[in-house]
Amino acid sequence: MFENLGGGEVLLIFLVILILFGPKKIPELATSLGKGLRKFREAKEGLEDQLKTAIKEPMEALQAAKSNFDMHVIAAADQVKETSKALEANVPGAQPSLPTPAQTIPNTPIP
């Protein structure tokens, strides 16, 4: 924003500020500017902390729900495998209706 200012232009700006506010008022202005910047920085950090907390809690809940869902899917898959084996054992001479994972090729239809 100020990369095009030369030394003479900066000196002129400081001279105008000195003339407008006087030598006694400049330290007060600098102090209030510093305090304002500090408050702004503290408010920004507080907002960042709140956003991080607000994002962290739902992410933890989603991860817990995903692990719970995965556990239920694995349990259901085990039940399906057991039921399939039991049905195949009860029908003599029947071929398995569900191919085992070693028999399937990815991205091909299962007969």
Protein backbone atom coordinates (compact mmCIF):
# COMPACT_ATOMS: atom_id res chain seq x y z
CA MET A 1 0.00 0.00 0.00
CA PHE A 2 2.78 2.43 0.91
CA GLU A 3 5.57 0.83 -1.13
CA ASN A 4 5.64 3.77 -3.57
CA LEU A 5 6.39 6.41 -0.90
CA GLY A 6 9.84 7.93 -1.03
CA GLY A 7 11.87 9.48 1.79
CA GLY A 8 10.79 13.03 0.94
CA GLU A 9 7.12 12.09 0.90
CA VAL A 10 7.35 10.39 4.30
CA LEU A 11 9.14 13.44 5.71
CA LEU A 12 6.39 15.69 4.36
CA ILE A 13 3.71 13.52 6.00
CA PHE A 14 5.51 13.67 9.37
CA LEU A 15 5.87 17.45 9.01
CA VAL A 16 2.14 17.87 8.34
CA ILE A 17 1.30 15.69 11.36
CA LEU A 18 3.68 17.74 13.52
CA ILE A 19 2.09 20.99 12.36
CA LEU A 20 -1.49 19.76 12.84
CA PHE A 21 -1.12 18.10 16.23
CA GLY A 22 1.94 19.72 17.80
CA PRO A 23 4.88 18.08 19.53
CA LYS A 24 2.97 17.46 22.79
CA LYS A 25 0.04 15.65 21.20
CA ILE A 26 2.02 13.20 18.98
CA PRO A 27 3.13 10.89 21.86
CA GLU A 28 -0.46 10.70 23.09
CA LEU A 29 -1.68 9.81 19.60
CA ALA A 30 1.01 7.14 19.25
CA THR A 31 0.09 5.68 22.65
CA SER A 32 -3.62 5.52 21.83
CA LEU A 33 -2.83 4.01 18.42
CA GLY A 34 -0.68 1.34 20.10
CA LYS A 35 -3.42 0.54 22.62
CA GLY A 36 -5.99 0.30 19.83
CA LEU A 37 -3.80 -2.07 17.85
CA ARG A 38 -3.22 -4.22 20.96
CA LYS A 39 -6.96 -4.47 21.65
CA PHE A 40 -7.60 -5.35 18.02
CA ARG A 41 -4.97 -8.10 18.14
CA GLU A 42 -6.40 -9.52 21.40
CA ALA A 43 -9.91 -9.51 19.95
CA LYS A 44 -8.66 -11.25 16.80
CA GLU A 45 -6.88 -13.95 18.86
CA GLY A 46 -10.00 -14.45 20.99
CA LEU A 47 -12.13 -14.88 17.88
CA GLU A 48 -9.64 -17.36 16.42
CA ASP A 49 -9.72 -19.40 19.65
CA GLN A 50 -13.52 -19.46 19.62
CA LEU A 51 -13.60 -20.58 15.99
CA LYS A 52 -11.06 -23.34 16.64
CA THR A 53 -13.12 -24.57 19.59
CA ALA A 54 -16.36 -24.35 17.61
CA ILE A 55 -14.84 -26.44 14.81
CA LYS A 56 -13.04 -28.92 17.08
CA GLU A 57 -16.11 -30.10 19.01
CA PRO A 58 -18.23 -31.10 15.97
CA MET A 59 -15.22 -32.78 14.35
CA GLU A 60 -14.70 -34.92 17.45
CA ALA A 61 -18.39 -35.83 17.45
CA LEU A 62 -18.24 -36.77 13.75
CA GLN A 63 -15.17 -38.93 14.30
CA ALA A 64 -16.88 -40.72 17.20
CA ALA A 65 -20.02 -41.26 15.10
CA LYS A 66 -17.92 -42.58 12.18
CA SER A 67 -16.08 -45.09 14.37
CA ASN A 68 -19.41 -46.18 15.89
CA PHE A 69 -20.91 -46.56 12.41
CA ASP A 70 -17.89 -48.54 11.19
CA MET A 71 -18.20 -50.85 14.18
CA HIS A 72 -21.87 -51.52 13.39
CA VAL A 73 -21.11 -52.13 9.70
CA ILE A 74 -18.42 -54.67 10.58
CA ALA A 75 -20.77 -56.41 13.01
CA ALA A 76 -23.53 -56.54 10.37
CA ALA A 77 -21.09 -57.90 7.78
CA ASP A 78 -20.03 -60.62 10.19
CA GLN A 79 -23.67 -61.56 10.78
CA VAL A 80 -24.30 -61.73 7.03
CA LYS A 81 -21.27 -63.98 6.56
CA GLU A 82 -22.39 -66.28 9.38
CA THR A 83 -25.93 -66.46 8.00
CA SER A 84 -24.62 -67.17 4.50
CA LYS A 85 -22.41 -69.98 5.78
CA ALA A 86 -25.29 -71.44 7.79
CA LEU A 87 -27.61 -71.36 4.76
CA GLU A 88 -24.99 -72.94 2.52
CA ALA A 89 -24.39 -75.67 5.11
CA ASN A 90 -28.14 -76.48 5.22
CA VAL A 91 -28.53 -76.85 1.44
CA PRO A 92 -26.61 -79.84 0.10
CA GLY A 93 -24.96 -79.41 -3.30
CA ALA A 94 -25.75 -75.71 -3.52
CA GLN A 95 -23.15 -73.31 -4.76
CA PRO A 96 -22.37 -70.27 -2.69
CA SER A 97 -24.57 -67.35 -3.67
CA LEU A 98 -22.13 -64.73 -2.45
CA PRO A 99 -18.62 -64.78 -3.88
CA THR A 100 -15.78 -64.51 -1.44
CA PRO A 101 -13.66 -61.37 -1.65
CA ALA A 102 -10.78 -63.33 -3.24
CA GLN A 103 -13.06 -64.31 -6.15
CA THR A 104 -14.20 -60.80 -7.03
CA ILE A 105 -12.29 -58.38 -9.25
CA PRO A 106 -12.67 -54.69 -8.44
CA ASN A 107 -14.95 -52.64 -10.74
CA THR A 108 -16.53 -55.72 -12.36
CA PRO A 109 -20.14 -56.79 -11.89
CA ILE A 110 -20.76 -59.74 -9.60
CA PRO A 111 -22.80 -62.53 -11.27
